[in-house]
Amino acid sequence: MNGRPSIILCTLLAAPAMAEPPEASGQAACDRAVRDGACHIAWNLSATPRAYYWVQQYDSERTEWRSLGEPSTQAWTTSKAAVAGGHLYRVHACNDLEATDDCIGTTLIWAPLHPRSVDEIPAEMVDAHGVTMTVSKNADLALQTAQYNVYSLVQVVQRIDLTTMPAMTPPAERRPDPSTDSGLTPDDLIHVGVYDNYEGLRAIAARRAE
């Protein structure tokens, strides 16, 4: 990407794929292991329980959170319905069905995009400022997918007032022994770059608002 060094677009980059909701209370995650291999939103709000829990998708065109389906009554679970890739999600929890009483939310998560081949990934993408972001088309599918997710995220968040947005779920940690497998899934690797760029842009927005 040219001309915007504040955006960290070189790092490899969804959320941890896990068989159970995230351990840390207050976090959301993308769980692919539960049902059908698709991304289901998992959450854990057991430390601060509420009566109702809505999975919400951020609508960047209308600049608002949109609830998906009926609320759950479980503080620690995974959504029954899968979510679409290329969007930001969180869980919104309240003590009433009108979603107004003593509400809290989780961290947010990016549901990753997984093109089936490099042919589905464009060579160039343009951000909100007209800057061209270039995909390494000579790289393998994993690296191109990582870049594609970061650039897609940038296109979304540049239309958002990031001072109003929650933090993103931190990426999973690599296994400490470098001689062994990292223990990270493809989604984990995507999430590293997505997280760095989202939090970097959120920090810039916060400084500008001071």
N, C-alpha and C. Protein backbone atom coordinates (compact mmCIF):
# COMPACT_ATOMS: atom_id res chain seq x y z
N MET A 1 0.85 -1.18 0.00
CA MET A 1 0.00 0.00 0.00
C MET A 1 0.88 1.22 0.00
N ASN A 2 0.50 2.26 -0.72
CA ASN A 2 1.36 3.41 -0.89
C ASN A 2 0.83 4.62 -0.15
N GLY A 3 1.76 5.39 0.46
CA GLY A 3 1.41 6.70 0.96
C GLY A 3 0.73 6.76 2.30
N ARG A 4 0.51 5.64 2.97
CA ARG A 4 -0.14 5.68 4.28
C ARG A 4 0.60 4.76 5.25
N PRO A 5 1.80 5.20 5.71
CA PRO A 5 2.60 4.35 6.58
C PRO A 5 1.95 4.06 7.92
N SER A 6 0.90 4.83 8.27
CA SER A 6 0.25 4.59 9.55
C SER A 6 -0.54 3.29 9.57
N ILE A 7 -0.81 2.72 8.37
CA ILE A 7 -1.56 1.47 8.30
C ILE A 7 -0.58 0.32 8.16
N ILE A 8 -0.67 -0.66 9.03
CA ILE A 8 0.28 -1.77 9.07
C ILE A 8 -0.24 -2.88 8.18
N LEU A 9 0.15 -2.87 6.91
CA LEU A 9 -0.44 -3.81 5.98
C LEU A 9 0.49 -4.94 5.58
N CYS A 10 1.60 -5.09 6.26
CA CYS A 10 2.55 -6.13 5.88
C CYS A 10 2.42 -7.37 6.74
N THR A 11 1.81 -7.22 7.91
CA THR A 11 1.76 -8.33 8.84
C THR A 11 0.80 -9.40 8.39
N LEU A 12 1.15 -10.67 8.64
CA LEU A 12 0.15 -11.69 8.41
C LEU A 12 -0.96 -11.54 9.41
N LEU A 13 -2.05 -12.00 8.84
CA LEU A 13 -3.23 -11.68 9.53
C LEU A 13 -3.95 -12.87 10.18
N ALA A 14 -9.19 -13.12 11.51
CA ALA A 14 -10.18 -13.79 11.98
C ALA A 14 -9.94 -14.25 13.34
N ALA A 15 -10.30 -14.64 13.76
CA ALA A 15 -10.40 -14.93 15.17
C ALA A 15 -10.06 -16.36 15.40
N PRO A 16 -9.68 -16.70 16.65
CA PRO A 16 -9.31 -18.06 16.89
C PRO A 16 -10.45 -19.04 16.60
N ALA A 17 -10.14 -20.13 15.92
CA ALA A 17 -11.14 -21.17 15.72
C ALA A 17 -11.07 -22.10 16.92
N MET A 18 -12.15 -22.28 17.60
CA MET A 18 -12.11 -23.02 18.86
C MET A 18 -13.36 -23.86 19.03
N ALA A 19 -13.22 -24.91 19.81
CA ALA A 19 -14.34 -25.83 20.02
C ALA A 19 -15.29 -25.31 21.08
N GLU A 20 -14.87 -24.33 21.85
CA GLU A 20 -15.70 -23.77 22.91
C GLU A 20 -15.59 -22.25 22.86
N PRO A 21 -16.53 -21.55 23.50
CA PRO A 21 -16.42 -20.09 23.55
C PRO A 21 -15.12 -19.64 24.21
N PRO A 22 -14.69 -18.42 23.94
CA PRO A 22 -13.43 -17.92 24.48
C PRO A 22 -13.43 -17.92 26.00
N GLU A 23 -12.26 -18.16 26.58
CA GLU A 23 -12.16 -18.24 28.03
C GLU A 23 -12.28 -16.87 28.69
N ALA A 24 -11.70 -15.87 28.07
CA ALA A 24 -11.70 -14.54 28.68
C ALA A 24 -13.09 -13.91 28.60
N SER A 25 -13.63 -13.54 29.73
CA SER A 25 -14.97 -12.95 29.75
C SER A 25 -14.94 -11.60 29.06
N GLY A 26 -15.99 -11.37 28.27
CA GLY A 26 -16.08 -10.10 27.56
C GLY A 26 -15.56 -10.14 26.15
N GLN A 27 -15.06 -11.28 25.70
CA GLN A 27 -14.52 -11.37 24.35
C GLN A 27 -15.44 -12.16 23.43
N ALA A 28 -15.41 -11.79 22.15
CA ALA A 28 -16.10 -12.54 21.11
C ALA A 28 -15.06 -13.22 20.24
N ALA A 29 -15.43 -14.31 19.60
CA ALA A 29 -14.51 -15.04 18.73
C ALA A 29 -15.28 -15.69 17.59
N CYS A 30 -14.54 -16.06 16.55
CA CYS A 30 -15.11 -16.79 15.42
C CYS A 30 -14.81 -18.26 15.62
N ASP A 31 -15.84 -19.06 15.81
CA ASP A 31 -15.69 -20.49 16.12
C ASP A 31 -16.08 -21.32 14.91
N ARG A 32 -15.11 -21.99 14.31
CA ARG A 32 -15.38 -22.84 13.14
C ARG A 32 -15.50 -24.31 13.50
N ALA A 33 -15.16 -24.66 14.73
CA ALA A 33 -15.09 -26.08 15.09
C ALA A 33 -16.41 -26.65 15.56
N VAL A 34 -17.39 -25.80 15.78
CA VAL A 34 -18.60 -26.25 16.46
C VAL A 34 -19.54 -27.05 15.58
N ARG A 35 -19.86 -26.55 14.38
CA ARG A 35 -20.93 -27.21 13.63
C ARG A 35 -20.54 -27.57 12.19
N ASP A 36 -20.43 -26.57 11.35
CA ASP A 36 -20.35 -26.83 9.92
C ASP A 36 -19.10 -26.29 9.25
N GLY A 37 -18.13 -25.88 10.02
CA GLY A 37 -16.92 -25.30 9.46
C GLY A 37 -17.04 -23.83 9.12
N ALA A 38 -18.24 -23.27 9.23
CA ALA A 38 -18.44 -21.84 8.98
C ALA A 38 -18.18 -21.06 10.28
N CYS A 39 -18.08 -19.76 10.16
CA CYS A 39 -17.81 -18.91 11.32
C CYS A 39 -19.08 -18.69 12.13
N HIS A 40 -19.07 -19.13 13.37
CA HIS A 40 -20.13 -18.88 14.34
C HIS A 40 -19.55 -17.99 15.44
N ILE A 41 -20.31 -17.01 15.88
CA ILE A 41 -19.80 -16.10 16.91
C ILE A 41 -19.93 -16.73 18.29
N ALA A 42 -18.81 -16.84 18.96
CA ALA A 42 -18.76 -17.38 20.31
C ALA A 42 -18.48 -16.24 21.29
N TRP A 43 -19.04 -16.34 22.48
CA TRP A 43 -18.80 -15.29 23.47
C TRP A 43 -18.80 -15.86 24.88
N ASN A 44 -18.21 -15.07 25.78
CA ASN A 44 -18.18 -15.41 27.19
C ASN A 44 -18.37 -14.14 28.00
N LEU A 45 -19.55 -13.97 28.54
CA LEU A 45 -19.84 -12.83 29.42
C LEU A 45 -20.26 -13.33 30.80
N SER A 46 -19.69 -14.47 31.19
CA SER A 46 -20.08 -15.10 32.45
C SER A 46 -19.69 -14.27 33.67
N ALA A 47 -18.69 -13.40 33.54
CA ALA A 47 -18.30 -12.56 34.68
C ALA A 47 -19.24 -11.38 34.87
N THR A 48 -19.95 -11.01 33.81
CA THR A 48 -20.89 -9.88 33.88
C THR A 48 -22.18 -10.27 33.17
N PRO A 49 -22.90 -11.27 33.68
CA PRO A 49 -24.06 -11.80 32.96
C PRO A 49 -25.21 -10.80 32.86
N ARG A 50 -25.97 -10.97 31.77
CA ARG A 50 -27.19 -10.21 31.54
C ARG A 50 -28.29 -11.20 31.17
N ALA A 51 -29.49 -10.71 30.94
CA ALA A 51 -30.61 -11.60 30.63
C ALA A 51 -30.64 -12.04 29.17
N TYR A 52 -30.21 -11.15 28.26
CA TYR A 52 -30.33 -11.43 26.82
C TYR A 52 -29.05 -11.03 26.10
N TYR A 53 -28.75 -11.79 25.03
CA TYR A 53 -27.51 -11.60 24.28
C TYR A 53 -27.81 -11.63 22.78
N TRP A 54 -27.45 -10.55 22.10
CA TRP A 54 -27.67 -10.47 20.65
C TRP A 54 -26.33 -10.49 19.92
N VAL A 55 -26.20 -11.33 18.90
CA VAL A 55 -25.09 -11.21 17.97
C VAL A 55 -25.40 -10.05 17.04
N GLN A 56 -24.47 -9.12 16.90
CA GLN A 56 -24.69 -7.95 16.07
C GLN A 56 -23.59 -7.82 15.01
N GLN A 57 -24.01 -7.38 13.83
CA GLN A 57 -23.10 -7.10 12.72
C GLN A 57 -23.05 -5.58 12.53
N TYR A 58 -21.85 -5.04 12.30
CA TYR A 58 -21.77 -3.61 12.07
C TYR A 58 -22.09 -3.30 10.62
N ASP A 59 -23.08 -2.42 10.41
CA ASP A 59 -23.48 -1.99 9.09
C ASP A 59 -22.77 -0.67 8.79
N SER A 60 -21.70 -0.74 7.99
CA SER A 60 -20.89 0.45 7.76
C SER A 60 -21.59 1.46 6.86
N GLU A 61 -22.57 1.03 6.07
CA GLU A 61 -23.31 1.97 5.24
C GLU A 61 -24.24 2.83 6.10
N ARG A 62 -24.90 2.21 7.08
CA ARG A 62 -25.81 2.95 7.96
C ARG A 62 -25.13 3.39 9.25
N THR A 63 -23.86 3.01 9.41
CA THR A 63 -23.05 3.32 10.60
C THR A 63 -23.77 2.98 11.89
N GLU A 64 -24.20 1.72 11.98
CA GLU A 64 -24.87 1.27 13.20
C GLU A 64 -24.74 -0.24 13.33
N TRP A 65 -24.93 -0.72 14.55
CA TRP A 65 -24.94 -2.15 14.82
C TRP A 65 -26.33 -2.70 14.53
N ARG A 66 -26.36 -3.87 13.87
CA ARG A 66 -27.63 -4.51 13.50
C ARG A 66 -27.69 -5.88 14.14
N SER A 67 -28.75 -6.15 14.92
CA SER A 67 -28.90 -7.44 15.58
C SER A 67 -29.31 -8.51 14.58
N LEU A 68 -28.73 -9.70 14.73
CA LEU A 68 -29.02 -10.82 13.83
C LEU A 68 -29.84 -11.87 14.58
N GLY A 69 -31.07 -12.06 14.16
CA GLY A 69 -31.89 -13.12 14.76
C GLY A 69 -32.36 -12.79 16.16
N GLU A 70 -32.87 -13.83 16.83
CA GLU A 70 -33.40 -13.69 18.18
C GLU A 70 -32.27 -13.73 19.21
N PRO A 71 -32.48 -13.09 20.37
CA PRO A 71 -31.43 -13.10 21.39
C PRO A 71 -31.28 -14.46 22.06
N SER A 72 -30.09 -14.71 22.55
CA SER A 72 -29.82 -15.88 23.37
C SER A 72 -29.97 -15.49 24.83
N THR A 73 -30.16 -16.48 25.69
CA THR A 73 -30.19 -16.22 27.13
C THR A 73 -28.97 -16.83 27.81
N GLN A 74 -27.97 -17.24 27.01
CA GLN A 74 -26.78 -17.88 27.54
C GLN A 74 -25.61 -16.90 27.60
N ALA A 75 -24.99 -16.78 28.76
CA ALA A 75 -23.86 -15.87 28.92
C ALA A 75 -22.58 -16.41 28.30
N TRP A 76 -22.56 -17.71 28.02
CA TRP A 76 -21.33 -18.37 27.57
C TRP A 76 -21.72 -19.42 26.55
N THR A 77 -21.64 -19.07 25.26
CA THR A 77 -22.12 -20.01 24.25
C THR A 77 -21.61 -19.60 22.87
N THR A 78 -22.11 -20.29 21.84
CA THR A 78 -21.77 -20.02 20.45
C THR A 78 -23.06 -19.89 19.66
N SER A 79 -23.11 -18.96 18.73
CA SER A 79 -24.33 -18.72 17.95
C SER A 79 -24.70 -19.94 17.12
N LYS A 80 -25.99 -20.21 17.01
CA LYS A 80 -26.46 -21.32 16.19
C LYS A 80 -26.27 -21.03 14.70
N ALA A 81 -26.49 -19.80 14.31
CA ALA A 81 -26.37 -19.42 12.91
C ALA A 81 -24.95 -18.96 12.59
N ALA A 82 -24.47 -19.34 11.42
CA ALA A 82 -23.18 -18.86 10.94
C ALA A 82 -23.31 -17.40 10.49
N VAL A 83 -22.18 -16.71 10.43
CA VAL A 83 -22.19 -15.31 9.98
C VAL A 83 -21.38 -15.19 8.69
N ALA A 84 -21.65 -14.13 7.95
CA ALA A 84 -20.96 -13.89 6.68
C ALA A 84 -19.59 -13.29 6.92
N GLY A 85 -18.63 -13.69 6.10
CA GLY A 85 -17.30 -13.13 6.20
C GLY A 85 -17.24 -11.70 5.69
N GLY A 86 -16.19 -10.97 6.10
CA GLY A 86 -16.00 -9.61 5.63
C GLY A 86 -16.77 -8.56 6.40
N HIS A 87 -17.18 -8.88 7.64
CA HIS A 87 -17.91 -7.94 8.48
C HIS A 87 -17.38 -7.98 9.91
N LEU A 88 -17.65 -6.92 10.66
CA LEU A 88 -17.33 -6.85 12.08
C LEU A 88 -18.54 -7.30 12.89
N TYR A 89 -18.27 -8.07 13.97
CA TYR A 89 -19.34 -8.58 14.83
C TYR A 89 -18.99 -8.36 16.30
N ARG A 90 -20.04 -8.29 17.10
CA ARG A 90 -19.90 -8.25 18.55
C ARG A 90 -21.15 -8.91 19.14
N VAL A 91 -21.13 -9.07 20.46
CA VAL A 91 -22.34 -9.51 21.18
C VAL A 91 -22.75 -8.39 22.10
N HIS A 92 -24.04 -8.03 22.03
CA HIS A 92 -24.62 -6.95 22.82
C HIS A 92 -25.55 -7.60 23.85
N ALA A 93 -25.35 -7.29 25.13
CA ALA A 93 -26.10 -7.96 26.20
C ALA A 93 -26.83 -6.94 27.06
N CYS A 94 -28.09 -7.23 27.36
CA CYS A 94 -28.92 -6.32 28.16
C CYS A 94 -29.84 -7.12 29.08
N ASN A 95 -30.47 -6.42 30.00
CA ASN A 95 -31.40 -7.08 30.93
C ASN A 95 -32.85 -6.99 30.50
N ASP A 96 -33.11 -6.47 29.29
CA ASP A 96 -34.49 -6.41 28.80
C ASP A 96 -34.50 -6.67 27.30
N LEU A 97 -35.66 -7.09 26.79
CA LEU A 97 -35.78 -7.40 25.37
C LEU A 97 -35.75 -6.16 24.48
N GLU A 98 -35.94 -4.97 25.07
CA GLU A 98 -35.85 -3.74 24.30
C GLU A 98 -34.39 -3.31 24.10
N ALA A 99 -33.48 -4.04 24.74
CA ALA A 99 -32.03 -3.78 24.61
C ALA A 99 -31.66 -2.37 25.05
N THR A 100 -32.22 -1.96 26.19
CA THR A 100 -31.92 -0.62 26.72
C THR A 100 -31.46 -0.65 28.18
N ASP A 101 -31.68 -1.74 28.90
CA ASP A 101 -31.44 -1.78 30.34
C ASP A 101 -30.09 -2.39 30.68
N ASP A 102 -29.19 -1.55 31.23
CA ASP A 102 -27.91 -2.01 31.76
C ASP A 102 -27.15 -2.85 30.73
N CYS A 103 -26.96 -2.29 29.56
CA CYS A 103 -26.36 -3.05 28.45
C CYS A 103 -24.83 -3.00 28.47
N ILE A 104 -24.23 -4.06 28.00
CA ILE A 104 -22.78 -4.15 27.84
C ILE A 104 -22.50 -4.85 26.51
N GLY A 105 -21.26 -4.85 26.09
CA GLY A 105 -20.90 -5.52 24.85
C GLY A 105 -19.56 -6.21 24.96
N THR A 106 -19.33 -7.13 24.06
CA THR A 106 -18.04 -7.81 23.99
C THR A 106 -17.06 -6.98 23.15
N THR A 107 -15.83 -7.46 23.09
CA THR A 107 -14.93 -6.99 22.05
C THR A 107 -15.53 -7.37 20.70
N LEU A 108 -15.03 -6.77 19.64
CA LEU A 108 -15.55 -7.14 18.33
C LEU A 108 -14.59 -8.10 17.62
N ILE A 109 -15.07 -8.71 16.56
CA ILE A 109 -14.29 -9.68 15.81
C ILE A 109 -14.57 -9.51 14.32
N TRP A 110 -13.56 -9.72 13.51
CA TRP A 110 -13.70 -9.70 12.04
C TRP A 110 -13.92 -11.13 11.58
N ALA A 111 -15.02 -11.38 10.89
CA ALA A 111 -15.24 -12.70 10.31
C ALA A 111 -14.45 -12.78 9.01
N PRO A 112 -13.49 -13.69 8.91
CA PRO A 112 -12.56 -13.67 7.78
C PRO A 112 -13.18 -14.12 6.47
N LEU A 113 -12.62 -13.57 5.42
CA LEU A 113 -12.95 -13.98 4.07
C LEU A 113 -11.98 -15.08 3.64
N HIS A 114 -12.49 -16.14 3.04
CA HIS A 114 -11.65 -17.26 2.60
C HIS A 114 -11.91 -17.57 1.13
N PRO A 115 -11.29 -16.83 0.21
CA PRO A 115 -11.43 -17.14 -1.22
C PRO A 115 -10.95 -18.56 -1.50
N ARG A 116 -11.59 -19.21 -2.45
CA ARG A 116 -11.23 -20.59 -2.78
C ARG A 116 -9.95 -20.68 -3.60
N SER A 117 -9.61 -19.61 -4.32
CA SER A 117 -8.39 -19.62 -5.12
C SER A 117 -7.88 -18.19 -5.24
N VAL A 118 -6.63 -18.05 -5.68
CA VAL A 118 -6.06 -16.71 -5.85
C VAL A 118 -6.77 -15.94 -6.95
N ASP A 119 -7.45 -16.65 -7.83
CA ASP A 119 -8.18 -15.98 -8.92
C ASP A 119 -9.35 -15.15 -8.39
N GLU A 120 -9.81 -15.46 -7.18
CA GLU A 120 -10.92 -14.71 -6.59
C GLU A 120 -10.46 -13.47 -5.84
N ILE A 121 -9.15 -13.26 -5.76
CA ILE A 121 -8.59 -12.12 -5.03
C ILE A 121 -8.11 -11.08 -6.03
N PRO A 122 -8.57 -9.84 -5.92
CA PRO A 122 -8.13 -8.82 -6.87
C PRO A 122 -6.67 -8.45 -6.67
N ALA A 123 -6.05 -7.97 -7.72
CA ALA A 123 -4.64 -7.56 -7.64
C ALA A 123 -4.51 -6.24 -6.89
N GLU A 124 -5.53 -5.40 -6.97
CA GLU A 124 -5.50 -4.09 -6.32
C GLU A 124 -6.84 -3.79 -5.68
N MET A 125 -6.80 -3.05 -4.57
CA MET A 125 -8.00 -2.56 -3.90
C MET A 125 -7.73 -1.10 -3.54
N VAL A 126 -8.77 -0.29 -3.53
CA VAL A 126 -8.62 1.14 -3.27
C VAL A 126 -9.27 1.51 -1.95
N ASP A 127 -8.55 2.26 -1.11
CA ASP A 127 -9.12 2.63 0.19
C ASP A 127 -9.98 3.88 0.05
N ALA A 128 -10.51 4.35 1.17
CA ALA A 128 -11.44 5.47 1.16
C ALA A 128 -10.79 6.78 0.74
N HIS A 129 -9.45 6.84 0.77
CA HIS A 129 -8.72 8.05 0.39
C HIS A 129 -8.20 7.97 -1.04
N GLY A 130 -8.58 6.92 -1.74
CA GLY A 130 -8.12 6.77 -3.11
C GLY A 130 -6.75 6.14 -3.25
N VAL A 131 -6.21 5.64 -2.16
CA VAL A 131 -4.89 5.00 -2.18
C VAL A 131 -5.03 3.55 -2.63
N THR A 132 -4.18 3.13 -3.54
CA THR A 132 -4.23 1.77 -4.05
C THR A 132 -3.48 0.82 -3.12
N MET A 133 -4.12 -0.25 -2.74
CA MET A 133 -3.52 -1.29 -1.91
C MET A 133 -3.28 -2.50 -2.81
N THR A 134 -2.02 -2.94 -2.89
CA THR A 134 -1.63 -3.96 -3.86
C THR A 134 -1.49 -5.33 -3.20
N VAL A 135 -2.10 -6.32 -3.79
CA VAL A 135 -1.98 -7.70 -3.33
C VAL A 135 -0.78 -8.36 -4.01
N SER A 136 -0.02 -9.12 -3.26
CA SER A 136 1.16 -9.83 -3.80
C SER A 136 0.68 -11.03 -4.60
N LYS A 137 0.37 -10.81 -5.88
CA LYS A 137 -0.25 -11.87 -6.68
C LYS A 137 0.69 -13.03 -6.99
N ASN A 138 1.98 -12.87 -6.74
CA ASN A 138 2.91 -13.99 -6.92
C ASN A 138 3.01 -14.86 -5.67
N ALA A 139 2.39 -14.42 -4.58
CA ALA A 139 2.44 -15.17 -3.32
C ALA A 139 1.42 -16.30 -3.33
N ASP A 140 1.51 -17.16 -2.32
CA ASP A 140 0.57 -18.28 -2.23
C ASP A 140 -0.79 -17.80 -1.75
N LEU A 141 -1.76 -18.73 -1.76
CA LEU A 141 -3.13 -18.38 -1.40
C LEU A 141 -3.22 -17.85 0.02
N ALA A 142 -2.45 -18.42 0.95
CA ALA A 142 -2.53 -18.00 2.36
C ALA A 142 -2.14 -16.53 2.52
N LEU A 143 -1.03 -16.13 1.90
CA LEU A 143 -0.58 -14.75 2.04
C LEU A 143 -1.53 -13.79 1.33
N GLN A 144 -1.97 -14.15 0.13
CA GLN A 144 -2.92 -13.29 -0.58
C GLN A 144 -4.22 -13.15 0.21
N THR A 145 -4.67 -14.24 0.83
CA THR A 145 -5.89 -14.19 1.64
C THR A 145 -5.69 -13.26 2.84
N ALA A 146 -4.51 -13.32 3.45
CA ALA A 146 -4.21 -12.45 4.58
C ALA A 146 -4.26 -10.99 4.17
N GLN A 147 -3.63 -10.66 3.05
CA GLN A 147 -3.65 -9.28 2.57
C GLN A 147 -5.06 -8.85 2.19
N TYR A 148 -5.79 -9.72 1.54
CA TYR A 148 -7.16 -9.43 1.11
C TYR A 148 -8.05 -9.10 2.31
N ASN A 149 -7.87 -9.82 3.41
CA ASN A 149 -8.65 -9.54 4.61
C ASN A 149 -8.27 -8.20 5.23
N VAL A 150 -6.98 -7.89 5.28
CA VAL A 150 -6.57 -6.60 5.84
C VAL A 150 -7.10 -5.45 5.00
N TYR A 151 -6.97 -5.56 3.68
CA TYR A 151 -7.44 -4.49 2.81
C TYR A 151 -8.96 -4.33 2.88
N SER A 152 -9.67 -5.46 2.98
CA SER A 152 -11.13 -5.41 3.11
C SER A 152 -11.53 -4.75 4.42
N LEU A 153 -10.82 -5.09 5.50
CA LEU A 153 -11.07 -4.44 6.79
C LEU A 153 -10.84 -2.94 6.69
N VAL A 154 -9.74 -2.53 6.07
CA VAL A 154 -9.42 -1.10 5.95
C VAL A 154 -10.55 -0.38 5.21
N GLN A 155 -11.06 -0.98 4.13
CA GLN A 155 -12.16 -0.35 3.39
C GLN A 155 -13.39 -0.16 4.26
N VAL A 156 -13.63 -1.08 5.18
CA VAL A 156 -14.78 -0.98 6.08
C VAL A 156 -14.55 0.07 7.16
N VAL A 157 -13.42 -0.02 7.87
CA VAL A 157 -13.24 0.83 9.06
C VAL A 157 -12.96 2.28 8.70
N GLN A 158 -12.49 2.55 7.49
CA GLN A 158 -12.26 3.95 7.13
C GLN A 158 -13.56 4.73 6.98
N ARG A 159 -14.69 4.03 6.95
CA ARG A 159 -16.00 4.71 6.89
C ARG A 159 -16.64 4.84 8.27
N ILE A 160 -15.90 4.45 9.31
CA ILE A 160 -16.45 4.40 10.67
C ILE A 160 -15.73 5.41 11.56
N ASP A 161 -16.46 6.02 12.48
CA ASP A 161 -15.84 6.81 13.54
C ASP A 161 -15.30 5.82 14.58
N LEU A 162 -14.02 5.54 14.49
CA LEU A 162 -13.44 4.49 15.34
C LEU A 162 -13.37 4.88 16.80
N THR A 163 -13.59 6.14 17.12
CA THR A 163 -13.61 6.53 18.54
C THR A 163 -14.85 6.00 19.23
N THR A 164 -15.84 5.57 18.46
CA THR A 164 -17.07 5.02 19.05
C THR A 164 -17.07 3.50 19.08
N MET A 165 -16.01 2.88 18.59
CA MET A 165 -15.99 1.43 18.43
C MET A 165 -15.22 0.74 19.56
N PRO A 166 -15.65 -0.48 19.91
CA PRO A 166 -14.93 -1.23 20.96
C PRO A 166 -13.62 -1.79 20.45
N ALA A 167 -12.82 -2.26 21.37
CA ALA A 167 -11.56 -2.93 21.01
C ALA A 167 -11.86 -4.24 20.29
N MET A 168 -10.86 -4.73 19.57
CA MET A 168 -10.98 -6.02 18.90
C MET A 168 -10.40 -7.11 19.81
N THR A 169 -10.94 -8.30 19.70
CA THR A 169 -10.40 -9.44 20.44
C THR A 169 -8.93 -9.65 20.06
N PRO A 170 -8.02 -9.73 21.04
CA PRO A 170 -6.61 -9.93 20.71
C PRO A 170 -6.37 -11.26 20.01
N PRO A 171 -5.31 -11.35 19.21
CA PRO A 171 -5.02 -12.61 18.52
C PRO A 171 -4.53 -13.68 19.49
N ALA A 172 -4.67 -14.93 19.05
CA ALA A 172 -4.16 -16.05 19.85
C ALA A 172 -2.64 -16.00 19.88
N GLU A 173 -2.05 -16.52 20.95
CA GLU A 173 -0.59 -16.53 21.07
C GLU A 173 0.00 -17.76 20.40
N ARG A 174 1.16 -17.54 19.80
CA ARG A 174 1.89 -18.66 19.21
C ARG A 174 2.45 -19.55 20.32
N ARG A 175 2.63 -20.83 20.01
CA ARG A 175 3.31 -21.70 20.97
C ARG A 175 4.75 -21.20 21.13
N PRO A 176 5.26 -21.19 22.36
CA PRO A 176 6.56 -20.54 22.60
C PRO A 176 7.76 -21.23 21.96
N ASP A 177 7.70 -22.54 21.72
CA ASP A 177 8.85 -23.25 21.17
C ASP A 177 8.89 -23.06 19.65
N PRO A 178 9.87 -22.32 19.12
CA PRO A 178 9.92 -22.05 17.68
C PRO A 178 10.19 -23.29 16.83
N SER A 179 10.65 -24.38 17.46
CA SER A 179 10.94 -25.60 16.70
C SER A 179 9.70 -26.44 16.45
N THR A 180 8.59 -26.06 17.04
CA THR A 180 7.34 -26.81 16.87
C THR A 180 6.36 -25.99 16.05
N ASP A 181 5.26 -26.62 15.69
CA ASP A 181 4.19 -25.92 15.00
C ASP A 181 3.68 -24.78 15.87
N SER A 182 3.28 -23.67 15.23
CA SER A 182 2.86 -22.49 15.99
C SER A 182 1.59 -22.72 16.79
N GLY A 183 0.78 -23.71 16.36
CA GLY A 183 -0.50 -23.93 17.02
C GLY A 183 -1.58 -23.00 16.54
N LEU A 184 -1.27 -22.17 15.54
CA LEU A 184 -2.24 -21.20 15.03
C LEU A 184 -2.95 -21.76 13.81
N THR A 185 -4.23 -21.47 13.73
CA THR A 185 -5.04 -21.87 12.58
C THR A 185 -4.91 -20.82 11.47
N PRO A 186 -5.40 -21.12 10.25
CA PRO A 186 -5.42 -20.08 9.22
C PRO A 186 -6.17 -18.83 9.65
N ASP A 187 -7.27 -19.01 10.38
CA ASP A 187 -8.01 -17.85 10.88
C ASP A 187 -7.17 -17.04 11.87
N ASP A 188 -6.41 -17.73 12.71
CA ASP A 188 -5.55 -17.03 13.67
C ASP A 188 -4.54 -16.15 12.94
N LEU A 189 -3.94 -16.70 11.88
CA LEU A 189 -2.92 -15.96 11.15
C LEU A 189 -3.53 -14.74 10.46
N ILE A 190 -4.71 -14.87 9.92
CA ILE A 190 -5.41 -13.73 9.33
C ILE A 190 -5.67 -12.67 10.40
N HIS A 191 -6.07 -13.14 11.58
CA HIS A 191 -6.48 -12.22 12.64
C HIS A 191 -5.33 -11.36 13.14
N VAL A 192 -4.11 -11.85 13.06
CA VAL A 192 -2.97 -11.06 13.52
C VAL A 192 -2.89 -9.72 12.77
N GLY A 193 -2.94 -9.78 11.43
CA GLY A 193 -2.86 -8.55 10.65
C GLY A 193 -4.11 -7.70 10.77
N VAL A 194 -5.26 -8.35 10.82
CA VAL A 194 -6.52 -7.62 10.98
C VAL A 194 -6.52 -6.86 12.30
N TYR A 195 -6.10 -7.53 13.36
CA TYR A 195 -6.05 -6.91 14.69
C TYR A 195 -5.08 -5.72 14.71
N ASP A 196 -3.86 -5.92 14.19
CA ASP A 196 -2.86 -4.84 14.21
C ASP A 196 -3.36 -3.61 13.47
N ASN A 197 -3.99 -3.82 12.33
CA ASN A 197 -4.47 -2.68 11.54
C ASN A 197 -5.66 -2.00 12.19
N TYR A 198 -6.61 -2.78 12.69
CA TYR A 198 -7.78 -2.19 13.34
C TYR A 198 -7.36 -1.37 14.56
N GLU A 199 -6.55 -1.96 15.42
CA GLU A 199 -6.16 -1.24 16.64
C GLU A 199 -5.25 -0.07 16.32
N GLY A 200 -4.42 -0.19 15.27
CA GLY A 200 -3.59 0.94 14.87
C GLY A 200 -4.43 2.11 14.39
N LEU A 201 -5.42 1.83 13.57
CA LEU A 201 -6.31 2.88 13.08
C LEU A 201 -7.17 3.46 14.20
N ARG A 202 -7.57 2.61 15.15
CA ARG A 202 -8.36 3.10 16.28
C ARG A 202 -7.53 4.03 17.16
N ALA A 203 -6.24 3.71 17.33
CA ALA A 203 -5.36 4.56 18.12
C ALA A 203 -5.15 5.91 17.44
N ILE A 204 -5.00 5.91 16.12
CA ILE A 204 -4.86 7.17 15.36
C ILE A 204 -6.11 8.01 15.52
N ALA A 205 -7.29 7.39 15.42
CA ALA A 205 -8.54 8.13 15.58
C ALA A 205 -8.65 8.74 16.97
N ALA A 206 -8.21 8.01 17.99
CA ALA A 206 -8.27 8.51 19.35
C ALA A 206 -7.35 9.73 19.54
N ARG A 207 -6.16 9.67 18.95
CA ARG A 207 -5.22 10.80 19.07
C ARG A 207 -5.78 12.04 18.35
N ARG A 208 -6.38 11.83 17.21
CA ARG A 208 -6.94 12.97 16.47
C ARG A 208 -8.11 13.60 17.19
N ALA A 209 -8.79 12.82 18.00
CA ALA A 209 -9.97 13.32 18.73
C ALA A 209 -9.58 14.09 19.99
N GLU A 210 -8.33 13.99 20.40
CA GLU A 210 -7.90 14.65 21.66
C GLU A 210 -7.89 16.16 21.51
